[in-house]
Amino acid sequence: MSTLTKPNHIGRKISRIRELKDMKQEALAQALGTNQQAISAMENSETIDEEKLIEVAKALGVSVEAIKNFSEESVFNYFNNFYDNSQGTVGNYHCTFNPLDKLIESYDENKKLYERLLQAEKDKVEYLEKLMKGK
């Protein structure tokens, strides 16, 4: 018995794209107006009708062709090329920002969010304490 997967198993391709996009089956189900069990069944199906495939592609933010032509090898080639060209350019594109700046910016945004959440919790505690004193 062969352990190789069939190259045109659309359900597996959808599953891998979903996983690469860090999306859970539940999230895809919600986007499609269905449930997680239906997504699981779809991902185990070798074929999917074209209308459903169009809906799935839209929910995943990719083209139907991207799903049909998806392969693990192409993903690895993409990342290998990205790494090979990491001297500041990728293909014809030039990196126009400093990744460390983006990291620091993200950290600052998260810190501000944390501080706002913390203040909201402090406000709740203060409000509850006032309510308790009033009784």
Protein backbone atom coordinates (compact mmCIF):
# COMPACT_ATOMS: atom_id res chain seq x y z
CA MET A 1 0.00 0.00 0.00
CA SER A 2 1.40 3.37 -1.00
CA THR A 3 1.70 6.18 1.54
CA LEU A 4 1.95 8.84 -1.15
CA THR A 5 -0.96 11.22 -1.34
CA LYS A 6 -2.78 11.79 -4.59
CA PRO A 7 -1.48 15.00 -6.19
CA ASN A 8 -4.97 16.33 -7.04
CA HIS A 9 -6.71 15.70 -3.71
CA ILE A 10 -8.44 19.09 -3.49
CA GLY A 11 -9.55 18.56 0.11
CA ARG A 12 -5.98 18.06 1.31
CA LYS A 13 -4.85 21.12 -0.62
CA ILE A 14 -7.55 23.19 1.07
CA SER A 15 -6.48 21.78 4.43
CA ARG A 16 -2.81 22.67 3.89
CA ILE A 17 -3.59 26.19 2.67
CA ARG A 18 -5.87 26.70 5.67
CA GLU A 19 -3.14 25.47 8.02
CA LEU A 20 -0.50 27.67 6.36
CA LYS A 21 -2.80 30.63 6.90
CA ASP A 22 -3.05 29.60 10.57
CA MET A 23 -6.81 29.20 10.27
CA LYS A 24 -8.80 26.64 12.26
CA GLN A 25 -11.52 24.53 10.67
CA GLU A 26 -14.04 26.36 12.87
CA ALA A 27 -13.00 29.74 11.42
CA LEU A 28 -13.32 28.47 7.84
CA ALA A 29 -16.68 26.93 8.73
CA GLN A 30 -17.91 30.24 10.09
CA ALA A 31 -16.75 32.08 6.97
CA LEU A 32 -18.66 29.57 4.84
CA GLY A 33 -21.75 29.49 7.04
CA THR A 34 -21.37 25.84 7.95
CA ASN A 35 -19.92 23.75 10.78
CA GLN A 36 -16.52 22.24 11.58
CA GLN A 37 -17.71 18.71 10.71
CA ALA A 38 -18.61 19.84 7.19
CA ILE A 39 -15.14 21.35 6.76
CA SER A 40 -13.53 18.14 7.99
CA ALA A 41 -15.58 16.13 5.50
CA MET A 42 -14.70 18.55 2.70
CA GLU A 43 -10.98 18.33 3.52
CA ASN A 44 -11.23 14.54 3.31
CA SER A 45 -12.90 14.72 -0.11
CA GLU A 46 -10.80 14.15 -3.19
CA THR A 47 -13.02 16.40 -5.31
CA ILE A 48 -15.22 19.41 -4.60
CA ASP A 49 -17.78 21.01 -6.88
CA GLU A 50 -16.66 24.22 -8.56
CA GLU A 51 -19.15 26.53 -6.79
CA LYS A 52 -18.05 25.31 -3.37
CA LEU A 53 -14.41 25.65 -4.41
CA ILE A 54 -15.01 29.30 -5.37
CA GLU A 55 -16.56 29.97 -1.93
CA VAL A 56 -13.66 28.24 -0.15
CA ALA A 57 -11.06 30.16 -2.18
CA LYS A 58 -12.75 33.44 -1.30
CA ALA A 59 -12.89 32.51 2.41
CA LEU A 60 -9.18 31.57 2.36
CA GLY A 61 -8.22 34.69 0.44
CA VAL A 62 -6.68 32.79 -2.46
CA SER A 63 -7.67 32.07 -6.04
CA VAL A 64 -9.30 28.84 -7.19
CA GLU A 65 -6.19 28.26 -9.31
CA ALA A 66 -3.99 28.62 -6.22
CA ILE A 67 -5.93 25.78 -4.58
CA LYS A 68 -5.92 23.60 -7.69
CA ASN A 69 -2.19 24.15 -8.32
CA PHE A 70 -1.06 24.05 -4.68
CA SER A 71 1.86 21.78 -3.84
CA GLU A 72 4.12 21.46 -0.84
CA GLU A 73 7.09 21.65 -3.19
CA SER A 74 6.06 25.06 -4.51
CA VAL A 75 5.73 26.39 -0.96
CA PHE A 76 9.21 25.19 -0.08
CA ASN A 77 10.59 26.63 -3.32
CA TYR A 78 9.01 29.98 -2.51
CA PHE A 79 10.58 30.10 0.94
CA ASN A 80 13.94 28.85 -0.35
CA ASN A 81 13.95 31.60 -2.97
CA PHE A 82 12.94 34.12 -0.34
CA TYR A 83 15.84 33.00 1.86
CA ASP A 84 18.30 32.89 -1.03
CA ASN A 85 17.41 36.46 -1.97
CA SER A 86 17.34 37.82 1.55
CA GLN A 87 20.06 40.38 0.86
CA GLY A 88 17.35 43.04 0.92
CA THR A 89 15.58 42.09 -2.28
CA VAL A 90 13.06 39.40 -3.15
CA GLY A 91 12.65 38.93 -6.87
CA ASN A 92 12.06 42.45 -8.18
CA TYR A 93 11.00 43.76 -4.80
CA HIS A 94 13.16 45.71 -2.42
CA CYS A 95 12.49 45.68 1.31
CA THR A 96 11.45 49.25 2.16
CA PHE A 97 11.29 48.94 5.93
CA ASN A 98 13.47 47.74 8.74
CA PRO A 99 12.00 44.53 10.23
CA LEU A 100 13.27 45.55 13.67
CA ASP A 101 11.29 48.77 13.44
CA LYS A 102 8.16 46.72 12.70
CA LEU A 103 8.90 44.44 15.64
CA ILE A 104 9.31 47.40 17.99
CA GLU A 105 6.17 49.04 16.59
CA SER A 106 4.24 45.81 17.18
CA TYR A 107 5.61 45.59 20.73
CA ASP A 108 4.57 49.19 21.43
CA GLU A 109 1.06 48.55 20.10
CA ASN A 110 0.72 45.41 22.23
CA LYS A 111 1.99 47.28 25.27
CA LYS A 112 -0.59 50.04 24.75
CA LEU A 113 -3.32 47.45 24.33
CA TYR A 114 -2.24 45.68 27.52
CA GLU A 115 -2.23 48.98 29.42
CA ARG A 116 -5.75 49.82 28.17
CA LEU A 117 -7.02 46.37 29.18
CA LEU A 118 -5.36 46.67 32.57
CA GLN A 119 -6.93 50.10 33.13
CA ALA A 120 -10.34 48.74 32.15
CA GLU A 121 -9.97 45.97 34.74
CA LYS A 122 -8.90 48.49 37.39
CA ASP A 123 -11.96 50.60 36.55
CA LYS A 124 -14.21 47.56 36.93
CA VAL A 125 -12.72 46.73 40.33
CA GLU A 126 -13.12 50.34 41.47
CA TYR A 127 -16.75 50.37 40.30
CA LEU A 128 -17.50 47.08 42.06
CA GLU A 129 -15.89 48.33 45.25
CA LYS A 130 -18.12 51.43 45.13
CA LEU A 131 -21.16 49.21 44.68
CA MET A 132 -20.15 47.04 47.62
CA LYS A 133 -19.66 50.08 49.89
CA GLY A 134 -23.11 51.37 48.93
CA LYS A 135 -24.82 48.24 50.25
